[in-house]
Structure formats: structure tokens, C-alpha cells
Protein backbone atom coordinates (compact mmCIF):
# COMPACT_ATOMS: atom_id res chain seq x y z
CA MET A 1 -25.31 -56.72 -59.78
CA THR A 2 -23.71 -54.22 -57.03
CA PRO A 3 -25.72 -54.56 -53.73
CA VAL A 4 -28.39 -51.86 -53.46
CA PRO A 5 -26.93 -49.09 -50.98
CA VAL A 6 -30.58 -49.31 -48.54
CA PHE A 7 -29.45 -47.08 -46.46
CA GLU A 8 -28.25 -44.19 -48.74
CA THR A 9 -30.95 -44.66 -50.24
CA ILE A 10 -32.94 -44.11 -47.43
CA ALA A 11 -31.76 -41.51 -46.20
CA ASP A 12 -31.62 -39.65 -49.25
CA LEU A 13 -35.25 -40.22 -49.60
CA LEU A 14 -35.98 -38.67 -45.93
CA ILE A 15 -33.68 -36.23 -46.71
CA LYS A 16 -35.24 -35.32 -50.53
CA LYS A 17 -38.60 -36.03 -50.01
CA PHE A 18 -39.48 -35.93 -46.76
CA GLU A 19 -37.40 -32.73 -45.60
CA VAL A 20 -35.88 -34.02 -42.69
CA ALA A 21 -32.96 -32.32 -42.26
CA PRO A 22 -29.31 -34.17 -42.76
CA GLU A 23 -28.17 -33.93 -39.68
CA GLN A 24 -31.10 -35.67 -38.23
CA VAL A 25 -30.89 -39.12 -40.67
CA LYS A 26 -28.14 -41.08 -38.27
CA GLU A 27 -28.16 -45.20 -38.42
CA ASP A 28 -29.05 -44.75 -34.38
CA ALA A 29 -32.22 -42.11 -35.02
CA LEU A 30 -35.25 -43.34 -34.59
CA LEU A 31 -38.22 -43.17 -36.93
CA GLU A 32 -40.65 -41.55 -34.35
CA ASP A 33 -37.63 -39.02 -33.74
CA LEU A 34 -37.82 -37.43 -37.23
CA GLY A 35 -40.78 -34.75 -37.21
CA LEU A 36 -42.64 -36.56 -39.41
CA ASP A 37 -46.41 -36.82 -38.18
CA SER A 38 -48.99 -40.60 -38.80
CA LEU A 39 -49.64 -39.47 -41.95
CA GLY A 40 -45.95 -39.03 -42.80
CA LEU A 41 -44.78 -41.86 -41.75
CA MET A 42 -47.12 -43.70 -43.43
CA GLU A 43 -45.73 -41.68 -46.82
CA PHE A 44 -42.21 -42.82 -45.51
CA VAL A 45 -43.27 -46.50 -45.70
CA PHE A 46 -44.88 -46.69 -48.91
CA ALA A 47 -42.08 -44.43 -50.74
CA LEU A 48 -39.67 -47.33 -49.66
CA GLU A 49 -41.02 -50.03 -50.96
CA ASP A 50 -41.58 -47.98 -54.23
CA ALA A 51 -37.91 -46.96 -53.72
CA PHE A 52 -36.34 -50.42 -53.83
CA ASN A 53 -39.67 -52.27 -55.47
CA LEU A 54 -41.55 -54.13 -52.86
CA ARG A 55 -43.90 -54.92 -50.01
CA ILE A 56 -42.44 -55.12 -46.49
CA PRO A 57 -45.13 -56.94 -44.49
CA GLU A 58 -46.45 -55.20 -41.59
CA ASP A 59 -45.76 -57.65 -39.04
CA LYS A 60 -41.87 -56.92 -40.47
CA LEU A 61 -42.69 -53.15 -40.05
CA ASP A 62 -45.30 -51.17 -38.13
CA PRO A 63 -44.29 -47.62 -38.75
CA THR A 64 -46.62 -46.57 -35.54
CA GLN A 65 -44.36 -48.54 -33.26
CA SER A 66 -41.81 -46.94 -31.78
CA GLY A 67 -38.42 -47.71 -30.87
CA ILE A 68 -37.23 -48.27 -34.78
CA SER A 69 -34.22 -47.04 -35.69
CA LEU A 70 -32.94 -46.58 -39.49
CA GLN A 71 -30.25 -49.16 -38.90
CA GLN A 72 -33.50 -51.69 -38.12
CA LEU A 73 -35.75 -50.47 -40.79
CA SER A 74 -32.44 -50.84 -43.22
CA SER A 75 -32.63 -54.33 -41.50
CA ILE A 76 -36.06 -54.84 -42.91
CA VAL A 77 -35.28 -53.56 -46.02
CA GLN A 78 -32.34 -56.06 -47.02
CA GLU A 79 -33.91 -59.12 -45.51
CA ALA A 80 -37.58 -58.42 -47.98
CA LEU A 81 -34.99 -57.83 -51.12
CA PRO A 82 -34.77 -60.56 -53.15
CA LYS A 83 -31.42 -62.81 -52.53
CA ASN A 84 -29.45 -63.33 -55.50
CA PRO A 85 -28.65 -66.79 -56.60
CA THR A 86 -25.00 -67.52 -56.12
């Protein structure tokens, strides 16, 4: 099974569903700098959970918390994904 391309999926979601400019979607970009208001950030987190079919606990990701980069978000999602048995 191929690994889920986490950052690429996040980027695609931001660009297509939330109309964030592609040049803004970089791994070091902060969530609060993407032009989404607080409601937009919440909707983004819900869309993210739907896209990966998972639930991210609030202690791992609070969209109102500042300083979360897309790279950190990718890591949070990666950690929440089910692990493949070896």
C-alpha cells in the first residue's frame, strides 16, 4: 500500500476548496497566514479530517493556536493515520 501523500493532500485541499493561492501553500507557511478566518480554519480542520478519514484530537491540533506550520500539520496528520502492520 502506498503511503498517503499528506502534505500534497493538505495543499490540494487548501487550494481547491479554500481558494488559498498556490504560492502561499508551502511547508513553512503558518495556518494563520493563509487568509482563513477562525470559521474557515475550523472548516479546514473538518475537511482535513474527512479527507484522511480520521479524527484529530484538540490537544494535538487547535486551529486557533498560532504558529502551526503546514509541515507541523502534516506531521500531526501522519501521526494520526493508522499504522500499517509490517
